[in-house]
């Protein structure tokens, strides 16, 4: 992986999902209806300073 930490420039970077009690998902605020379209939230984290960055939707095409 060629990513570097935006805070400390370390190359010890890992990719993962942001997880809460039921998972962290993004739901557009203007979405109507009972069944909501959503996507998991992905991010990179630095193993040296703990910074979390480059937060993206796992499936933006499903929103």
N, C-alpha and C. Protein backbone atom coordinates (compact mmCIF):
# COMPACT_ATOMS: atom_id res chain seq x y z
N UNK A 1 0.86 -1.19 0.00
CA UNK A 1 0.00 0.00 0.00
C UNK A 1 0.90 1.24 0.00
N UNK A 2 0.58 2.20 -0.84
CA UNK A 2 1.40 3.40 -0.96
C UNK A 2 0.83 4.60 -0.23
N UNK A 3 -0.18 4.39 0.60
CA UNK A 3 -0.78 5.51 1.37
C UNK A 3 0.15 5.92 2.50
N UNK A 4 0.13 7.20 2.81
CA UNK A 4 0.87 7.73 3.96
C UNK A 4 -0.10 8.49 4.84
N UNK A 5 0.17 8.50 6.12
CA UNK A 5 -0.65 9.22 7.08
C UNK A 5 -0.61 10.72 6.77
N UNK A 6 -1.78 11.34 6.76
CA UNK A 6 -1.88 12.77 6.49
C UNK A 6 -1.34 13.60 7.64
N UNK A 7 -1.24 13.01 8.84
CA UNK A 7 -0.81 13.75 10.03
C UNK A 7 0.69 13.60 10.29
N UNK A 8 1.19 12.33 10.31
CA UNK A 8 2.59 12.10 10.68
C UNK A 8 3.43 11.53 9.53
N UNK A 9 2.82 11.27 8.39
CA UNK A 9 3.46 10.75 7.19
C UNK A 9 4.00 9.33 7.34
N UNK A 10 3.54 8.60 8.34
CA UNK A 10 3.92 7.19 8.49
C UNK A 10 3.35 6.38 7.34
N UNK A 11 4.01 5.30 6.99
CA UNK A 11 3.48 4.41 5.95
C UNK A 11 2.84 3.16 6.57
N UNK A 12 2.73 3.13 7.90
CA UNK A 12 2.09 2.00 8.58
C UNK A 12 0.58 2.26 8.65
N UNK A 13 -0.10 2.00 7.54
CA UNK A 13 -1.51 2.33 7.35
C UNK A 13 -2.33 1.06 7.20
N UNK A 14 -3.51 1.04 7.82
CA UNK A 14 -4.43 -0.09 7.67
C UNK A 14 -5.79 0.44 7.21
N UNK A 15 -6.51 -0.39 6.47
CA UNK A 15 -7.83 -0.03 5.98
C UNK A 15 -8.87 -0.82 6.76
N UNK A 16 -10.02 -0.19 7.05
CA UNK A 16 -11.07 -0.89 7.76
C UNK A 16 -12.40 -0.16 7.67
N UNK A 17 -13.41 -0.72 8.35
CA UNK A 17 -14.75 -0.14 8.41
C UNK A 17 -14.93 0.58 9.74
N UNK A 18 -15.68 1.68 9.71
CA UNK A 18 -16.07 2.33 10.96
C UNK A 18 -17.28 1.57 11.48
N UNK A 19 -17.21 1.06 12.69
CA UNK A 19 -18.25 0.20 13.25
C UNK A 19 -18.80 0.81 14.54
N UNK A 20 -20.11 0.80 14.66
CA UNK A 20 -20.80 1.20 15.88
C UNK A 20 -21.62 0.04 16.36
N UNK A 21 -22.57 0.28 17.21
CA UNK A 21 -23.42 -0.77 17.76
C UNK A 21 -24.06 -1.60 16.66
N UNK A 22 -24.63 -0.95 15.68
CA UNK A 22 -25.25 -1.65 14.55
C UNK A 22 -24.52 -1.37 13.25
N UNK A 23 -23.32 -0.92 13.34
CA UNK A 23 -22.56 -0.53 12.15
C UNK A 23 -22.78 0.94 11.85
N UNK A 24 -21.83 1.55 11.22
CA UNK A 24 -21.95 2.95 10.82
C UNK A 24 -22.30 2.97 9.35
N UNK A 25 -23.38 3.63 9.01
CA UNK A 25 -23.80 3.74 7.62
C UNK A 25 -24.10 5.19 7.29
N UNK A 26 -24.04 5.52 6.02
CA UNK A 26 -24.38 6.85 5.54
C UNK A 26 -25.73 6.78 4.86
N UNK A 27 -26.66 7.64 5.27
CA UNK A 27 -27.99 7.73 4.67
C UNK A 27 -28.21 9.19 4.28
N UNK A 28 -28.46 9.49 3.01
CA UNK A 28 -28.69 10.87 2.60
C UNK A 28 -29.85 11.49 3.38
N UNK A 29 -29.71 12.74 3.81
CA UNK A 29 -30.74 13.37 4.65
C UNK A 29 -32.03 13.67 3.90
N UNK A 30 -31.96 13.79 2.58
CA UNK A 30 -33.17 14.11 1.82
C UNK A 30 -33.91 12.85 1.33
N UNK A 31 -33.48 11.68 1.77
CA UNK A 31 -34.10 10.44 1.33
C UNK A 31 -35.46 10.23 2.00
N UNK A 32 -36.44 9.86 1.21
CA UNK A 32 -37.79 9.63 1.73
C UNK A 32 -38.10 8.14 1.65
N UNK A 33 -39.15 7.73 2.37
CA UNK A 33 -39.57 6.34 2.32
C UNK A 33 -39.14 5.55 3.54
N UNK A 34 -39.70 4.37 3.66
CA UNK A 34 -39.43 3.52 4.82
C UNK A 34 -38.10 2.79 4.66
N UNK A 35 -37.86 2.24 3.48
CA UNK A 35 -36.62 1.51 3.24
C UNK A 35 -35.57 2.50 2.76
N UNK A 36 -34.53 2.66 3.55
CA UNK A 36 -33.48 3.62 3.24
C UNK A 36 -32.33 2.96 2.49
N UNK A 37 -31.79 3.67 1.51
CA UNK A 37 -30.58 3.22 0.84
C UNK A 37 -29.41 3.67 1.69
N UNK A 38 -28.42 2.81 1.86
CA UNK A 38 -27.29 3.17 2.71
C UNK A 38 -26.02 2.48 2.23
N UNK A 39 -24.91 2.89 2.80
CA UNK A 39 -23.63 2.28 2.50
C UNK A 39 -22.77 2.28 3.75
N UNK A 40 -21.98 1.23 3.92
CA UNK A 40 -21.01 1.19 5.02
C UNK A 40 -19.97 2.29 4.80
N UNK A 41 -19.31 2.68 5.88
CA UNK A 41 -18.30 3.74 5.82
C UNK A 41 -16.92 3.12 6.05
N UNK A 42 -16.02 3.35 5.10
CA UNK A 42 -14.66 2.81 5.15
C UNK A 42 -13.69 3.93 5.49
N UNK A 43 -12.52 3.57 6.05
CA UNK A 43 -11.51 4.57 6.38
C UNK A 43 -10.14 3.91 6.47
N UNK A 44 -9.13 4.74 6.49
CA UNK A 44 -7.76 4.30 6.74
C UNK A 44 -7.36 4.82 8.11
N UNK A 45 -6.46 4.09 8.78
CA UNK A 45 -5.98 4.51 10.09
C UNK A 45 -4.47 4.32 10.16
N UNK A 46 -3.81 5.22 10.86
CA UNK A 46 -2.37 5.16 11.04
C UNK A 46 -2.06 4.35 12.29
N UNK A 47 -1.18 3.36 12.16
CA UNK A 47 -0.81 2.53 13.30
C UNK A 47 0.18 3.24 14.23
N UNK A 48 0.73 4.37 13.81
CA UNK A 48 1.68 5.09 14.65
C UNK A 48 1.03 6.20 15.47
N UNK A 49 0.23 7.07 14.83
CA UNK A 49 -0.34 8.20 15.57
C UNK A 49 -1.84 8.04 15.85
N UNK A 50 -2.49 7.05 15.22
CA UNK A 50 -3.91 6.82 15.46
C UNK A 50 -4.85 7.68 14.64
N UNK A 51 -4.33 8.46 13.74
CA UNK A 51 -5.17 9.31 12.89
C UNK A 51 -6.05 8.45 11.99
N UNK A 52 -7.33 8.86 11.82
CA UNK A 52 -8.26 8.20 10.91
C UNK A 52 -8.52 9.18 9.78
N UNK A 53 -8.38 8.72 8.53
CA UNK A 53 -8.49 9.64 7.40
C UNK A 53 -9.02 8.92 6.16
N UNK A 54 -9.24 9.68 5.11
CA UNK A 54 -9.72 9.18 3.82
C UNK A 54 -10.99 8.35 4.01
N UNK A 55 -11.98 8.95 4.64
CA UNK A 55 -13.26 8.28 4.92
C UNK A 55 -14.11 8.29 3.65
N UNK A 56 -14.55 7.10 3.23
CA UNK A 56 -15.33 6.96 2.00
C UNK A 56 -16.47 5.96 2.19
N UNK A 57 -17.43 6.01 1.28
CA UNK A 57 -18.52 5.04 1.27
C UNK A 57 -18.03 3.75 0.61
N UNK A 58 -18.40 2.61 1.18
CA UNK A 58 -18.00 1.34 0.60
C UNK A 58 -18.71 1.10 -0.74
N UNK A 59 -19.99 1.47 -0.82
CA UNK A 59 -20.77 1.28 -2.05
C UNK A 59 -21.52 2.56 -2.41
N UNK A 60 -20.83 3.60 -2.91
CA UNK A 60 -21.50 4.85 -3.24
C UNK A 60 -22.56 4.69 -4.33
N UNK A 61 -22.44 3.66 -5.14
CA UNK A 61 -23.41 3.43 -6.21
C UNK A 61 -24.77 2.98 -5.67
N UNK A 62 -24.86 2.59 -4.41
CA UNK A 62 -26.12 2.13 -3.82
C UNK A 62 -26.89 3.25 -3.12
N UNK A 63 -26.35 4.45 -3.13
CA UNK A 63 -27.01 5.59 -2.47
C UNK A 63 -27.93 6.27 -3.47
